[in-house]
Amino acid sequence: MTVIAIEAPKIEAETKSRLGSDTKHNEILSMLLKQIKWVNFRNIAGLLDEKEKLQPEHYFVICADEILKVAKLNNWGLCRNHDFIYI
């Protein structure tokens, strides 16, 4: 097995060069949220009859799908670990 040692400053420099700057997590989240457009939940859920009600599950799934679309467009990875979501 080959072990390659990489110093932390080199990793940090490579990350900065790929991102273009020091981008903080809350800035990335703000960038993501600014790109979210208005969503017609009823239309996306396929509920065309006004008598049909949107359930909380509709909102959760549609919101997650829309966030994933924006993240993919920006080449941002999302992951979930326990109750936390990481960008």
PDB file of N, CA and C in Angstrom:
ATOM      1  N   MET A   1       0.844  -1.177   0.000  1.00  0.00           N
ATOM      2  CA  MET A   1       0.000   0.000   0.000  1.00  0.00           C
ATOM      3  C   MET A   1       0.892   1.243   0.000  1.00  0.00           C
ATOM      4  N   THR A   2       0.563   2.190  -0.845  1.00  0.00           N
ATOM      5  CA  THR A   2       1.323   3.423  -0.942  1.00  0.00           C
ATOM      6  C   THR A   2       0.603   4.516  -0.173  1.00  0.00           C
ATOM      7  N   VAL A   3       1.336   5.212   0.655  1.00  0.00           N
ATOM      8  CA  VAL A   3       0.776   6.315   1.420  1.00  0.00           C
ATOM      9  C   VAL A   3       1.365   7.609   0.884  1.00  0.00           C
ATOM     10  N   ILE A   4       0.495   8.538   0.550  1.00  0.00           N
ATOM     11  CA  ILE A   4       0.953   9.826   0.045  1.00  0.00           C
ATOM     12  C   ILE A   4       0.647  10.871   1.107  1.00  0.00           C
ATOM     13  N   ALA A   5       1.675  11.565   1.532  1.00  0.00           N
ATOM     14  CA  ALA A   5       1.501  12.603   2.539  1.00  0.00           C
ATOM     15  C   ALA A   5       1.326  13.944   1.838  1.00  0.00           C
ATOM     16  N   ILE A   6       0.248  14.614   2.161  1.00  0.00           N
ATOM     17  CA  ILE A   6      -0.009  15.943   1.609  1.00  0.00           C
ATOM     18  C   ILE A   6      -0.179  16.893   2.787  1.00  0.00           C
ATOM     19  N   GLU A   7       0.529  17.977   2.730  1.00  0.00           N
ATOM     20  CA  GLU A   7       0.469  18.943   3.817  1.00  0.00           C
ATOM     21  C   GLU A   7      -0.820  19.753   3.740  1.00  0.00           C
ATOM     22  N   ALA A   8      -1.353  20.098   4.909  1.00  0.00           N
ATOM     23  CA  ALA A   8      -2.609  20.848   4.984  1.00  0.00           C
ATOM     24  C   ALA A   8      -2.572  22.160   4.207  1.00  0.00           C
ATOM     25  N   PRO A   9      -1.480  22.938   4.254  1.00  0.00           N
ATOM     26  CA  PRO A   9      -1.455  24.184   3.467  1.00  0.00           C
ATOM     27  C   PRO A   9      -1.609  23.952   1.961  1.00  0.00           C
ATOM     28  N   LYS A  10      -1.049  22.840   1.472  1.00  0.00           N
ATOM     29  CA  LYS A  10      -1.183  22.526   0.048  1.00  0.00           C
ATOM     30  C   LYS A  10      -2.633  22.200  -0.303  1.00  0.00           C
ATOM     31  N   ILE A  11      -3.286  21.465   0.576  1.00  0.00           N
ATOM     32  CA  ILE A  11      -4.701  21.135   0.355  1.00  0.00           C
ATOM     33  C   ILE A  11      -5.533  22.410   0.365  1.00  0.00           C
ATOM     34  N   GLU A  12      -5.264  23.279   1.324  1.00  0.00           N
ATOM     35  CA  GLU A  12      -6.005  24.540   1.427  1.00  0.00           C
ATOM     36  C   GLU A  12      -5.784  25.401   0.180  1.00  0.00           C
ATOM     37  N   ALA A  13      -4.554  25.479  -0.297  1.00  0.00           N
ATOM     38  CA  ALA A  13      -4.245  26.275  -1.488  1.00  0.00           C
ATOM     39  C   ALA A  13      -4.959  25.711  -2.717  1.00  0.00           C
ATOM     40  N   GLU A  14      -4.967  24.397  -2.850  1.00  0.00           N
ATOM     41  CA  GLU A  14      -5.647  23.761  -3.984  1.00  0.00           C
ATOM     42  C   GLU A  14      -7.149  24.015  -3.923  1.00  0.00           C
ATOM     43  N   THR A  15      -7.714  23.921  -2.749  1.00  0.00           N
ATOM     44  CA  THR A  15      -9.153  24.182  -2.578  1.00  0.00           C
ATOM     45  C   THR A  15      -9.479  25.616  -2.936  1.00  0.00           C
ATOM     46  N   LYS A  16      -8.678  26.560  -2.465  1.00  0.00           N
ATOM     47  CA  LYS A  16      -8.905  27.976  -2.773  1.00  0.00           C
ATOM     48  C   LYS A  16      -8.787  28.235  -4.266  1.00  0.00           C
ATOM     49  N   SER A  17      -7.827  27.584  -4.910  1.00  0.00           N
ATOM     50  CA  SER A  17      -7.665  27.811  -6.350  1.00  0.00           C
ATOM     51  C   SER A  17      -8.853  27.270  -7.131  1.00  0.00           C
ATOM     52  N   ARG A  18      -9.426  26.176  -6.665  1.00  0.00           N
ATOM     53  CA  ARG A  18     -10.592  25.607  -7.362  1.00  0.00           C
ATOM     54  C   ARG A  18     -11.850  26.416  -7.104  1.00  0.00           C
ATOM     55  N   LEU A  19     -12.001  26.939  -5.895  1.00  0.00           N
ATOM     56  CA  LEU A  19     -13.177  27.747  -5.575  1.00  0.00           C
ATOM     57  C   LEU A  19     -13.024  29.187  -6.042  1.00  0.00           C
ATOM     58  N   GLY A  20     -11.814  29.639  -6.184  1.00  0.00           N
ATOM     59  CA  GLY A  20     -11.575  30.994  -6.638  1.00  0.00           C
ATOM     60  C   GLY A  20     -11.402  31.982  -5.506  1.00  0.00           C
ATOM     61  N   SER A  21     -11.786  31.628  -4.304  1.00  0.00           N
ATOM     62  CA  SER A  21     -11.641  32.529  -3.157  1.00  0.00           C
ATOM     63  C   SER A  21     -11.966  31.766  -1.883  1.00  0.00           C
ATOM     64  N   ASP A  22     -11.853  32.485  -0.774  1.00  0.00           N
ATOM     65  CA  ASP A  22     -12.265  31.902   0.502  1.00  0.00           C
ATOM     66  C   ASP A  22     -13.782  32.039   0.601  1.00  0.00           C
ATOM     67  N   THR A  23     -14.512  31.008   0.269  1.00  0.00           N
ATOM     68  CA  THR A  23     -15.967  31.038   0.322  1.00  0.00           C
ATOM     69  C   THR A  23     -16.407  30.337   1.592  1.00  0.00           C
ATOM     70  N   LYS A  24     -17.119  31.061   2.432  1.00  0.00           N
ATOM     71  CA  LYS A  24     -17.583  30.487   3.687  1.00  0.00           C
ATOM     72  C   LYS A  24     -18.887  29.737   3.452  1.00  0.00           C
ATOM     73  N   HIS A  25     -19.168  28.801   4.350  1.00  0.00           N
ATOM     74  CA  HIS A  25     -20.361  27.972   4.214  1.00  0.00           C
ATOM     75  C   HIS A  25     -21.640  28.796   4.155  1.00  0.00           C
ATOM     76  N   ASN A  26     -21.750  29.806   5.020  1.00  0.00           N
ATOM     77  CA  ASN A  26     -22.977  30.606   5.015  1.00  0.00           C
ATOM     78  C   ASN A  26     -23.109  31.412   3.722  1.00  0.00           C
ATOM     79  N   GLU A  27     -21.974  31.755   3.084  1.00  0.00           N
ATOM     80  CA  GLU A  27     -22.023  32.447   1.800  1.00  0.00           C
ATOM     81  C   GLU A  27     -22.523  31.516   0.706  1.00  0.00           C
ATOM     82  N   ILE A  28     -22.077  30.265   0.740  1.00  0.00           N
ATOM     83  CA  ILE A  28     -22.543  29.289  -0.248  1.00  0.00           C
ATOM     84  C   ILE A  28     -24.032  29.056  -0.068  1.00  0.00           C
ATOM     85  N   LEU A  29     -24.483  28.936   1.168  1.00  0.00           N
ATOM     86  CA  LEU A  29     -25.906  28.752   1.419  1.00  0.00           C
ATOM     87  C   LEU A  29     -26.696  29.955   0.909  1.00  0.00           C
ATOM     88  N   SER A  30     -26.195  31.154   1.143  1.00  0.00           N
ATOM     89  CA  SER A  30     -26.871  32.359   0.641  1.00  0.00           C
ATOM     90  C   SER A  30     -26.914  32.364  -0.882  1.00  0.00           C
ATOM     91  N   MET A  31     -25.812  31.948  -1.510  1.00  0.00           N
ATOM     92  CA  MET A  31     -25.774  31.878  -2.970  1.00  0.00           C
ATOM     93  C   MET A  31     -26.804  30.876  -3.478  1.00  0.00           C
ATOM     94  N   LEU A  32     -26.916  29.746  -2.801  1.00  0.00           N
ATOM     95  CA  LEU A  32     -27.872  28.724  -3.195  1.00  0.00           C
ATOM     96  C   LEU A  32     -29.299  29.255  -3.041  1.00  0.00           C
ATOM     97  N   LEU A  33     -29.592  29.882  -1.905  1.00  0.00           N
ATOM     98  CA  LEU A  33     -30.948  30.372  -1.653  1.00  0.00           C
ATOM     99  C   LEU A  33     -31.361  31.476  -2.620  1.00  0.00           C
ATOM    100  N   LYS A  34     -30.394  32.299  -3.058  1.00  0.00           N
ATOM    101  CA  LYS A  34     -30.703  33.364  -4.016  1.00  0.00           C
ATOM    102  C   LYS A  34     -31.110  32.801  -5.371  1.00  0.00           C
ATOM    103  N   GLN A  35     -30.679  31.582  -5.654  1.00  0.00           N
ATOM    104  CA  GLN A  35     -30.978  30.976  -6.950  1.00  0.00           C
ATOM    105  C   GLN A  35     -32.265  30.162  -6.961  1.00  0.00           C
ATOM    106  N   ILE A  36     -32.884  30.010  -5.808  1.00  0.00           N
ATOM    107  CA  ILE A  36     -34.153  29.281  -5.738  1.00  0.00           C
ATOM    108  C   ILE A  36     -35.252  30.183  -6.269  1.00  0.00           C
ATOM    109  N   LYS A  37     -36.014  29.663  -7.215  1.00  0.00           N
ATOM    110  CA  LYS A  37     -37.101  30.434  -7.819  1.00  0.00           C
ATOM    111  C   LYS A  37     -38.430  30.042  -7.190  1.00  0.00           C
ATOM    112  N   TRP A  38     -39.445  30.853  -7.460  1.00  0.00           N
ATOM    113  CA  TRP A  38     -40.779  30.539  -6.970  1.00  0.00           C
ATOM    114  C   TRP A  38     -41.209  29.190  -7.517  1.00  0.00           C
ATOM    115  N   VAL A  39     -41.868  28.424  -6.663  1.00  0.00           N
ATOM    116  CA  VAL A  39     -42.273  27.071  -7.027  1.00  0.00           C
ATOM    117  C   VAL A  39     -43.786  26.957  -6.893  1.00  0.00           C
ATOM    118  N   ASN A  40     -44.423  26.427  -7.929  1.00  0.00           N
ATOM    119  CA  ASN A  40     -45.855  26.143  -7.881  1.00  0.00           C
ATOM    120  C   ASN A  40     -46.005  24.701  -7.386  1.00  0.00           C
ATOM    121  N   PHE A  41     -46.149  24.558  -6.086  1.00  0.00           N
ATOM    122  CA  PHE A  41     -46.191  23.233  -5.470  1.00  0.00           C
ATOM    123  C   PHE A  41     -47.340  22.394  -6.004  1.00  0.00           C
ATOM    124  N   ARG A  42     -48.511  22.995  -6.171  1.00  0.00           N
ATOM    125  CA  ARG A  42     -49.679  22.248  -6.649  1.00  0.00           C
ATOM    126  C   ARG A  42     -49.425  21.690  -8.043  1.00  0.00           C
ATOM    127  N   ASN A  43     -48.843  22.502  -8.898  1.00  0.00           N
ATOM    128  CA  ASN A  43     -48.583  22.074 -10.265  1.00  0.00           C
ATOM    129  C   ASN A  43     -47.560  20.949 -10.307  1.00  0.00           C
ATOM    130  N   ILE A  44     -46.465  21.109  -9.575  1.00  0.00           N
ATOM    131  CA  ILE A  44     -45.415  20.087  -9.558  1.00  0.00           C
ATOM    132  C   ILE A  44     -45.922  18.789  -8.951  1.00  0.00           C
ATOM    133  N   ALA A  45     -46.762  18.881  -7.918  1.00  0.00           N
ATOM    134  CA  ALA A  45     -47.307  17.684  -7.269  1.00  0.00           C
ATOM    135  C   ALA A  45     -48.392  17.029  -8.105  1.00  0.00           C
ATOM    136  N   GLY A  46     -48.827  17.720  -9.173  1.00  0.00           N
ATOM    137  CA  GLY A  46     -49.861  17.153 -10.037  1.00  0.00           C
ATOM    138  C   GLY A  46     -51.255  17.278  -9.454  1.00  0.00           C
ATOM    139  N   LEU A  47     -51.452  18.209  -8.527  1.00  0.00           N
ATOM    140  CA  LEU A  47     -52.765  18.424  -7.920  1.00  0.00           C
ATOM    141  C   LEU A  47     -53.466  19.566  -8.655  1.00  0.00           C
ATOM    142  N   LEU A  48     -54.251  19.210  -9.639  1.00  0.00           N
ATOM    143  CA  LEU A  48     -54.926  20.216 -10.442  1.00  0.00           C
ATOM    144  C   LEU A  48     -56.303  20.549  -9.888  1.00  0.00           C
ATOM    145  N   ASP A  49     -56.882  19.631  -9.120  1.00  0.00           N
ATOM    146  CA  ASP A  49     -58.189  19.859  -8.521  1.00  0.00           C
ATOM    147  C   ASP A  49     -58.014  20.690  -7.246  1.00  0.00           C
ATOM    148  N   GLU A  50     -58.731  21.794  -7.147  1.00  0.00           N
ATOM    149  CA  GLU A  50     -58.622  22.688  -5.985  1.00  0.00           C
ATOM    150  C   GLU A  50     -59.036  21.997  -4.687  1.00  0.00           C
ATOM    151  N   LYS A  51     -59.808  20.928  -4.782  1.00  0.00           N
ATOM    152  CA  LYS A  51     -60.264  20.215  -3.588  1.00  0.00           C
ATOM    153  C   LYS A  51     -59.148  19.367  -2.968  1.00  0.00           C
ATOM    154  N   GLU A  52     -58.177  18.990  -3.782  1.00  0.00           N
ATOM    155  CA  GLU A  52     -57.066  18.193  -3.269  1.00  0.00           C
ATOM    156  C   GLU A  52     -56.122  19.087  -2.476  1.00  0.00           C
ATOM    157  N   LYS A  53     -55.684  18.590  -1.334  1.00  0.00           N
ATOM    158  CA  LYS A  53     -54.810  19.375  -0.465  1.00  0.00           C
ATOM    159  C   LYS A  53     -53.374  18.885  -0.556  1.00  0.00           C
ATOM    160  N   LEU A  54     -52.471  19.841  -0.478  1.00  0.00           N
ATOM    161  CA  LEU A  54     -51.050  19.505  -0.400  1.00  0.00           C
ATOM    162  C   LEU A  54     -50.728  19.014   1.005  1.00  0.00           C
ATOM    163  N   GLN A  55     -50.023  17.916   1.067  1.00  0.00           N
ATOM    164  CA  GLN A  55     -49.595  17.357   2.341  1.00  0.00           C
ATOM    165  C   GLN A  55     -48.170  17.833   2.641  1.00  0.00           C
ATOM    166  N   PRO A  56     -47.773  17.809   3.914  1.00  0.00           N
ATOM    167  CA  PRO A  56     -46.401  18.223   4.252  1.00  0.00           C
ATOM    168  C   PRO A  56     -45.340  17.475   3.434  1.00  0.00           C
ATOM    169  N   GLU A  57     -45.604  16.216   3.119  1.00  0.00           N
ATOM    170  CA  GLU A  57     -44.646  15.436   2.343  1.00  0.00           C
ATOM    171  C   GLU A  57     -44.415  16.038   0.958  1.00  0.00           C
ATOM    172  N   HIS A  58     -45.470  16.606   0.365  1.00  0.00           N
ATOM    173  CA  HIS A  58     -45.320  17.262  -0.938  1.00  0.00           C
ATOM    174  C   HIS A  58     -44.283  18.383  -0.842  1.00  0.00           C
ATOM    175  N   TYR A  59     -44.429  19.207   0.183  1.00  0.00           N
ATOM    176  CA  TYR A  59     -43.515  20.339   0.359  1.00  0.00           C
ATOM    177  C   TYR A  59     -42.074  19.866   0.575  1.00  0.00           C
ATOM    178  N   PHE A  60     -41.901  18.859   1.440  1.00  0.00           N
ATOM    179  CA  PHE A  60     -40.556  18.366   1.747  1.00  0.00           C
ATOM    180  C   PHE A  60     -39.861  17.836   0.495  1.00  0.00           C
ATOM    181  N   VAL A  61     -40.549  16.995  -0.241  1.00  0.00           N
ATOM    182  CA  VAL A  61     -39.945  16.358  -1.415  1.00  0.00           C
ATOM    183  C   VAL A  61     -39.666  17.383  -2.509  1.00  0.00           C
ATOM    184  N   ILE A  62     -40.628  18.254  -2.778  1.00  0.00           N
ATOM    185  CA  ILE A  62     -40.444  19.254  -3.830  1.00  0.00           C
ATOM    186  C   ILE A  62     -39.324  20.230  -3.471  1.00  0.00           C
ATOM    187  N   CYS A  63     -39.267  20.667  -2.216  1.00  0.00           N
ATOM    188  CA  CYS A  63     -38.184  21.559  -1.786  1.00  0.00           C
ATOM    189  C   CYS A  63     -36.830  20.885  -1.952  1.00  0.00           C
ATOM    190  N   ALA A  64     -36.725  19.645  -1.528  1.00  0.00           N
ATOM    191  CA  ALA A  64     -35.462  18.911  -1.655  1.00  0.00           C
ATOM    192  C   ALA A  64     -35.067  18.788  -3.120  1.00  0.00           C
ATOM    193  N   ASP A  65     -36.023  18.481  -3.993  1.00  0.00           N
ATOM    194  CA  ASP A  65     -35.734  18.362  -5.421  1.00  0.00           C
ATOM    195  C   ASP A  65     -35.238  19.676  -6.010  1.00  0.00           C
ATOM    196  N   GLU A  66     -35.886  20.775  -5.640  1.00  0.00           N
ATOM    197  CA  GLU A  66     -35.487  22.080  -6.178  1.00  0.00           C
ATOM    198  C   GLU A  66     -34.094  22.486  -5.689  1.00  0.00           C
ATOM    199  N   ILE A  67     -33.786  22.218  -4.433  1.00  0.00           N
ATOM    200  CA  ILE A  67     -32.460  22.530  -3.897  1.00  0.00           C
ATOM    201  C   ILE A  67     -31.397  21.685  -4.586  1.00  0.00           C
ATOM    202  N   LEU A  68     -31.697  20.413  -4.810  1.00  0.00           N
ATOM    203  CA  LEU A  68     -30.744  19.542  -5.502  1.00  0.00           C
ATOM    204  C   LEU A  68     -30.490  20.011  -6.933  1.00  0.00           C
ATOM    205  N   LYS A  69     -31.535  20.491  -7.612  1.00  0.00           N
ATOM    206  CA  LYS A  69     -31.356  21.001  -8.976  1.00  0.00           C
ATOM    207  C   LYS A  69     -30.374  22.173  -8.996  1.00  0.00           C
ATOM    208  N   VAL A  70     -30.557  23.115  -8.079  1.00  0.00           N
ATOM    209  CA  VAL A  70     -29.676  24.288  -8.026  1.00  0.00           C
ATOM    210  C   VAL A  70     -28.254  23.866  -7.663  1.00  0.00           C
ATOM    211  N   ALA A  71     -28.129  22.968  -6.713  1.00  0.00           N
ATOM    212  CA  ALA A  71     -26.797  22.508  -6.301  1.00  0.00           C
ATOM    213  C   ALA A  71     -26.084  21.817  -7.464  1.00  0.00           C
ATOM    214  N   LYS A  72     -26.796  20.997  -8.220  1.00  0.00           N
ATOM    215  CA  LYS A  72     -26.186  20.309  -9.358  1.00  0.00           C
ATOM    216  C   LYS A  72     -25.763  21.294 -10.437  1.00  0.00           C
ATOM    217  N   LEU A  73     -26.584  22.322 -10.686  1.00  0.00           N
ATOM    218  CA  LEU A  73     -26.232  23.327 -11.688  1.00  0.00           C
ATOM    219  C   LEU A  73     -24.936  24.053 -11.333  1.00  0.00           C
ATOM    220  N   ASN A  74     -24.653  24.176 -10.044  1.00  0.00           N
ATOM    221  CA  ASN A  74     -23.456  24.882  -9.566  1.00  0.00           C
ATOM    222  C   ASN A  74     -22.311  23.931  -9.225  1.00  0.00           C
ATOM    223  N   ASN A  75     -22.496  22.655  -9.490  1.00  0.00           N
ATOM    224  CA  ASN A  75     -21.489  21.636  -9.150  1.00  0.00           C
ATOM    225  C   ASN A  75     -21.166  21.635  -7.662  1.00  0.00           C
ATOM    226  N   TRP A  76     -22.194  21.836  -6.848  1.00  0.00           N
ATOM    227  CA  TRP A  76     -22.026  21.772  -5.403  1.00  0.00           C
ATOM    228  C   TRP A  76     -22.515  20.409  -4.931  1.00  0.00           C
ATOM    229  N   GLY A  77     -21.731  19.761  -4.108  1.00  0.00           N
ATOM    230  CA  GLY A  77     -22.156  18.499  -3.548  1.00  0.00           C
ATOM    231  C   GLY A  77     -22.950  18.733  -2.271  1.00  0.00           C
ATOM    232  N   LEU A  78     -23.989  17.976  -2.076  1.00  0.00           N
ATOM    233  CA  LEU A  78     -24.764  18.024  -0.842  1.00  0.00           C
ATOM    234  C   LEU A  78     -24.697  16.658  -0.196  1.00  0.00           C
ATOM    235  N   CYS A  79     -24.588  16.632   1.111  1.00  0.00           N
ATOM    236  CA  CYS A  79     -24.663  15.362   1.815  1.00  0.00           C
ATOM    237  C   CYS A  79     -25.364  15.570   3.148  1.00  0.00           C
ATOM    238  N   ARG A  80     -25.905  14.488   3.670  1.00  0.00           N
ATOM    239  CA  ARG A  80     -26.607  14.537   4.947  1.00  0.00           C
ATOM    240  C   ARG A  80     -25.910  13.580   5.896  1.00  0.00           C
ATOM    241  N   ASN A  81     -25.656  14.062   7.100  1.00  0.00           N
ATOM    242  CA  ASN A  81     -25.069  13.241   8.146  1.00  0.00           C
ATOM    243  C   ASN A  81     -25.875  13.483   9.402  1.00  0.00           C
ATOM    244  N   HIS A  82     -26.636  12.492   9.803  1.00  0.00           N
ATOM    245  CA  HIS A  82     -27.567  12.602  10.921  1.00  0.00           C
ATOM    246  C   HIS A  82     -28.568  13.714  10.604  1.00  0.00           C
ATOM    247  N   ASP A  83     -28.665  14.752  11.411  1.00  0.00           N
ATOM    248  CA  ASP A  83     -29.623  15.822  11.160  1.00  0.00           C
ATOM    249  C   ASP A  83     -29.019  17.035  10.481  1.00  0.00           C
ATOM    250  N   PHE A  84     -27.806  16.913   9.972  1.00  0.00           N
ATOM    251  CA  PHE A  84     -27.121  18.035   9.353  1.00  0.00           C
ATOM    252  C   PHE A  84     -26.975  17.822   7.855  1.00  0.00           C
ATOM    253  N   ILE A  85     -27.122  18.908   7.094  1.00  0.00           N
ATOM    254  CA  ILE A  85     -26.919  18.875   5.661  1.00  0.00           C
ATOM    255  C   ILE A  85     -25.692  19.723   5.357  1.00  0.00           C
ATOM    256  N   TYR A  86     -24.776  19.155   4.591  1.00  0.00           N
ATOM    257  CA  TYR A  86     -23.518  19.828   4.268  1.00  0.00           C
ATOM    258  C   TYR A  86     -23.471  20.164   2.793  1.00  0.00           C
ATOM    259  N   ILE A  87     -22.956  21.364   2.470  1.00  0.00           N
ATOM    260  CA  ILE A  87     -22.804  21.794   1.084  1.00  0.00           C
ATOM    261  C   ILE A  87     -21.332  21.701   0.729  1.00  0.00           C
TER     262      ILE A  87
END
